[in-house]
C-alpha atoms as a PDB file:
ATOM      1  CA  MET A   1      19.246   0.353 -38.740  1.00  0.00           C
ATOM      2  CA  GLN A   2      18.306   4.098 -38.553  1.00  0.00           C
ATOM      3  CA  CYS A   3      20.551   7.188 -37.602  1.00  0.00           C
ATOM      4  CA  LEU A   4      18.107   8.956 -35.166  1.00  0.00           C
ATOM      5  CA  ASP A   5      18.706  12.396 -33.803  1.00  0.00           C
ATOM      6  CA  VAL A   6      18.640  13.631 -30.143  1.00  0.00           C
ATOM      7  CA  ALA A   7      17.754  17.485 -29.396  1.00  0.00           C
ATOM      8  CA  CYS A   8      19.685  18.884 -25.996  1.00  0.00           C
ATOM      9  CA  HIS A   9      18.727  21.433 -23.603  1.00  0.00           C
ATOM     10  CA  ASP A  10      21.766  22.963 -21.584  1.00  0.00           C
ATOM     11  CA  LEU A  11      20.068  23.934 -18.134  1.00  0.00           C
ATOM     12  CA  GLY A  12      22.821  25.190 -16.476  1.00  0.00           C
ATOM     13  CA  GLY A  13      24.624  24.698 -13.184  1.00  0.00           C
ATOM     14  CA  ARG A  14      28.044  24.296 -11.824  1.00  0.00           C
ATOM     15  CA  GLY A  15      30.010  21.185 -11.709  1.00  0.00           C
ATOM     16  CA  PRO A  16      30.600  17.758 -13.670  1.00  0.00           C
ATOM     17  CA  THR A  17      28.222  17.273 -16.560  1.00  0.00           C
ATOM     18  CA  LEU A  18      25.041  15.616 -15.778  1.00  0.00           C
ATOM     19  CA  LEU A  19      23.358  13.666 -18.416  1.00  0.00           C
ATOM     20  CA  MET A  20      19.730  13.587 -18.039  1.00  0.00           C
ATOM     21  CA  LEU A  21      17.498  11.063 -20.085  1.00  0.00           C
ATOM     22  CA  HIS A  22      13.767  11.315 -19.976  1.00  0.00           C
ATOM     23  CA  ALA A  23      11.005   8.472 -19.665  1.00  0.00           C
ATOM     24  CA  ASN A  24       9.063   7.492 -23.140  1.00  0.00           C
ATOM     25  CA  GLY A  25       6.221  10.269 -23.687  1.00  0.00           C
ATOM     26  CA  PHE A  26       7.941  12.687 -21.655  1.00  0.00           C
ATOM     27  CA  HIS A  27      10.970  15.489 -22.803  1.00  0.00           C
ATOM     28  CA  GLY A  28      14.149  16.896 -21.507  1.00  0.00           C
ATOM     29  CA  ARG A  29      12.776  19.850 -19.761  1.00  0.00           C
ATOM     30  CA  THR A  30      10.713  17.786 -17.621  1.00  0.00           C
ATOM     31  CA  PHE A  31      14.131  17.753 -15.217  1.00  0.00           C
ATOM     32  CA  LEU A  32      13.459  21.843 -14.679  1.00  0.00           C
ATOM     33  CA  PRO A  33      11.839  21.314 -11.758  1.00  0.00           C
ATOM     34  CA  MET A  34      14.648  19.457 -10.310  1.00  0.00           C
ATOM     35  CA  LEU A  35      17.552  22.112 -11.012  1.00  0.00           C
ATOM     36  CA  PRO A  36      17.131  24.067  -7.820  1.00  0.00           C
ATOM     37  CA  THR A  37      18.733  20.972  -6.181  1.00  0.00           C
ATOM     38  CA  LEU A  38      21.072  19.369  -9.019  1.00  0.00           C
ATOM     39  CA  ALA A  39      22.634  22.818 -10.287  1.00  0.00           C
ATOM     40  CA  PRO A  40      24.664  23.838  -7.652  1.00  0.00           C
ATOM     41  CA  HIS A  41      26.310  19.822  -7.738  1.00  0.00           C
ATOM     42  CA  PHE A  42      26.047  19.357 -11.661  1.00  0.00           C
ATOM     43  CA  HIS A  43      26.352  21.271 -15.593  1.00  0.00           C
ATOM     44  CA  CYS A  44      22.679  19.733 -16.366  1.00  0.00           C
ATOM     45  CA  LEU A  45      22.453  18.631 -19.786  1.00  0.00           C
ATOM     46  CA  ALA A  46      18.557  17.143 -20.999  1.00  0.00           C
ATOM     47  CA  LEU A  47      18.051  15.190 -24.378  1.00  0.00           C
ATOM     48  CA  ASP A  48      14.938  14.983 -25.762  1.00  0.00           C
ATOM     49  CA  LEU A  49      14.968  11.446 -27.436  1.00  0.00           C
ATOM     50  CA  PRO A  50      14.150  10.516 -30.921  1.00  0.00           C
ATOM     51  CA  GLY A  51      10.654  11.776 -31.690  1.00  0.00           C
ATOM     52  CA  HIS A  52      10.049  13.691 -28.248  1.00  0.00           C
ATOM     53  CA  GLY A  53      10.193  17.167 -27.541  1.00  0.00           C
ATOM     54  CA  ASP A  54      12.350  19.094 -29.979  1.00  0.00           C
ATOM     55  CA  ALA A  55      14.078  15.918 -31.508  1.00  0.00           C
ATOM     56  CA  PRO A  56      13.064  15.116 -35.161  1.00  0.00           C
ATOM     57  CA  ALA A  57      10.238  12.087 -35.480  1.00  0.00           C
ATOM     58  CA  PRO A  58      12.082   8.508 -36.836  1.00  0.00           C
ATOM     59  CA  GLU A  59      10.967   7.981 -40.469  1.00  0.00           C
ATOM     60  CA  GLY A  60       9.264   4.576 -39.702  1.00  0.00           C
ATOM     61  CA  PRO A  61       9.726   2.051 -37.555  1.00  0.00           C
ATOM     62  CA  PHE A  62      13.051   1.747 -35.417  1.00  0.00           C
ATOM     63  CA  TYR A  63      14.225  -0.182 -32.799  1.00  0.00           C
ATOM     64  CA  ALA A  64      15.669   0.335 -28.858  1.00  0.00           C
ATOM     65  CA  GLU A  65      19.144  -0.531 -30.815  1.00  0.00           C
ATOM     66  CA  ASP A  66      18.455   2.898 -32.701  1.00  0.00           C
ATOM     67  CA  LEU A  67      17.910   4.963 -29.533  1.00  0.00           C
ATOM     68  CA  LEU A  68      20.879   3.789 -27.846  1.00  0.00           C
ATOM     69  CA  ALA A  69      22.858   4.506 -30.963  1.00  0.00           C
ATOM     70  CA  ALA A  70      21.687   8.151 -30.747  1.00  0.00           C
ATOM     71  CA  VAL A  71      22.500   8.724 -27.153  1.00  0.00           C
ATOM     72  CA  ARG A  72      25.814   6.734 -27.624  1.00  0.00           C
ATOM     73  CA  ARG A  73      26.485   9.297 -30.744  1.00  0.00           C
ATOM     74  CA  PHE A  74      25.942  12.402 -28.938  1.00  0.00           C
ATOM     75  CA  VAL A  75      27.853  11.397 -25.643  1.00  0.00           C
ATOM     76  CA  GLU A  76      30.763  10.707 -27.891  1.00  0.00           C
ATOM     77  CA  GLU A  77      30.550  13.568 -30.472  1.00  0.00           C
ATOM     78  CA  ARG A  78      30.071  15.849 -27.401  1.00  0.00           C
ATOM     79  CA  GLY A  79      33.391  14.546 -25.404  1.00  0.00           C
ATOM     80  CA  LEU A  80      30.904  13.508 -22.652  1.00  0.00           C
ATOM     81  CA  LEU A  81      32.225  10.050 -21.954  1.00  0.00           C
ATOM     82  CA  GLY A  82      32.730   9.819 -18.076  1.00  0.00           C
ATOM     83  CA  CYS A  83      30.000  11.973 -17.314  1.00  0.00           C
ATOM     84  CA  TYR A  84      27.080  11.555 -14.786  1.00  0.00           C
ATOM     85  CA  CYS A  85      23.814  10.088 -15.873  1.00  0.00           C
ATOM     86  CA  LEU A  86      20.176  10.529 -14.294  1.00  0.00           C
ATOM     87  CA  GLY A  87      17.767   8.545 -16.295  1.00  0.00           C
ATOM     88  CA  HIS A  88      13.875   8.484 -15.572  1.00  0.00           C
ATOM     89  CA  SER A  89      12.115   4.921 -16.749  1.00  0.00           C
ATOM     90  CA  LEU A  90      12.889   4.712 -20.222  1.00  0.00           C
ATOM     91  CA  GLY A  91      16.188   7.157 -19.894  1.00  0.00           C
ATOM     92  CA  GLY A  92      17.467   4.704 -16.690  1.00  0.00           C
ATOM     93  CA  VAL A  93      17.371   1.885 -18.632  1.00  0.00           C
ATOM     94  CA  MET A  94      19.104   2.992 -21.512  1.00  0.00           C
ATOM     95  CA  ALA A  95      21.483   4.828 -19.311  1.00  0.00           C
ATOM     96  CA  ALA A  96      22.089   1.400 -17.736  1.00  0.00           C
ATOM     97  CA  LEU A  97      22.248  -0.472 -21.149  1.00  0.00           C
ATOM     98  CA  LEU A  98      24.780   1.843 -22.365  1.00  0.00           C
ATOM     99  CA  GLN A  99      26.837   1.579 -19.147  1.00  0.00           C
ATOM    100  CA  LEU A 100      26.918  -2.246 -19.471  1.00  0.00           C
ATOM    101  CA  GLU A 101      27.820  -2.475 -23.184  1.00  0.00           C
ATOM    102  CA  ARG A 102      30.892  -0.035 -22.502  1.00  0.00           C
ATOM    103  CA  PRO A 103      31.763   0.378 -18.920  1.00  0.00           C
ATOM    104  CA  GLY A 104      33.150   3.856 -18.553  1.00  0.00           C
ATOM    105  CA  THR A 105      30.522   5.445 -20.741  1.00  0.00           C
ATOM    106  CA  PHE A 106      29.399   7.350 -17.468  1.00  0.00           C
ATOM    107  CA  LYS A 107      30.975   8.076 -14.269  1.00  0.00           C
ATOM    108  CA  TRP A 108      27.741   6.918 -12.504  1.00  0.00           C
ATOM    109  CA  VAL A 109      24.359   5.919 -13.710  1.00  0.00           C
ATOM    110  CA  GLY A 110      21.422   7.047 -11.573  1.00  0.00           C
ATOM    111  CA  PRO A 111      18.215   5.380 -12.818  1.00  0.00           C
ATOM    112  CA  TRP A 112      15.534   7.620 -11.085  1.00  0.00           C
ATOM    113  CA  ARG A 113      12.088   5.992  -9.947  1.00  0.00           C
ATOM    114  CA  GLY A 114      10.066   9.281 -10.495  1.00  0.00           C
ATOM    115  CA  LEU A 115      10.342  12.920 -10.689  1.00  0.00           C
ATOM    116  CA  GLU A 116       8.818  13.891  -7.274  1.00  0.00           C
ATOM    117  CA  ARG A 117      10.906  17.025  -6.064  1.00  0.00           C
ATOM    118  CA  PRO A 118      11.433  15.515  -2.582  1.00  0.00           C
ATOM    119  CA  GLY A 119      13.138  12.651  -3.637  1.00  0.00           C
ATOM    120  CA  ILE A 120      15.791  14.134  -5.530  1.00  0.00           C
ATOM    121  CA  ALA A 121      18.006  15.237  -2.733  1.00  0.00           C
ATOM    122  CA  GLU A 122      17.997  11.886  -1.476  1.00  0.00           C
ATOM    123  CA  TRP A 123      19.376  11.022  -5.038  1.00  0.00           C
ATOM    124  CA  VAL A 124      22.143  13.815  -4.837  1.00  0.00           C
ATOM    125  CA  GLY A 125      23.270  12.634  -1.453  1.00  0.00           C
ATOM    126  CA  SER A 126      23.535   8.954  -2.797  1.00  0.00           C
ATOM    127  CA  VAL A 127      26.049  10.176  -5.685  1.00  0.00           C
ATOM    128  CA  GLN A 128      29.540   8.625  -5.025  1.00  0.00           C
ATOM    129  CA  TRP A 129      31.501  11.897  -5.618  1.00  0.00           C
ATOM    130  CA  GLY A 130      34.699  11.863  -7.107  1.00  0.00           C
ATOM    131  CA  ASP A 131      37.795  14.290  -7.357  1.00  0.00           C
ATOM    132  CA  ASP A 132      35.825  16.307  -9.863  1.00  0.00           C
ATOM    133  CA  GLY A 133      33.900  18.650  -7.225  1.00  0.00           C
ATOM    134  CA  ALA A 134      30.665  16.901  -7.780  1.00  0.00           C
END
């Protein structure tokens, strides 16, 4: 198993942390057009998964478990257990798998079907708001 690294973009915002995981072939800054809707509710962190954007490329072949381990390590090292998570395509699958593997990894997981702006307000409205002020 390879030890892969991610890169993190702090996109700002107010409220509880929202970790954003992109699709294969994309990068964390893909979520920038959503900030006007998300930032009033969340402190937005967008990851570049290994080999994407600013994250270092893996040395040789790697597996899904390696990707999951990289995100899990980031969440644990940054003290983000219990944060909200929004994932697009591959990112949504990764979020769901991490949550299934360790319930409580995320407070809420939102697999996202697309990156179109009109649908993001609907997604924000579907979040089960907690006592954390989101």
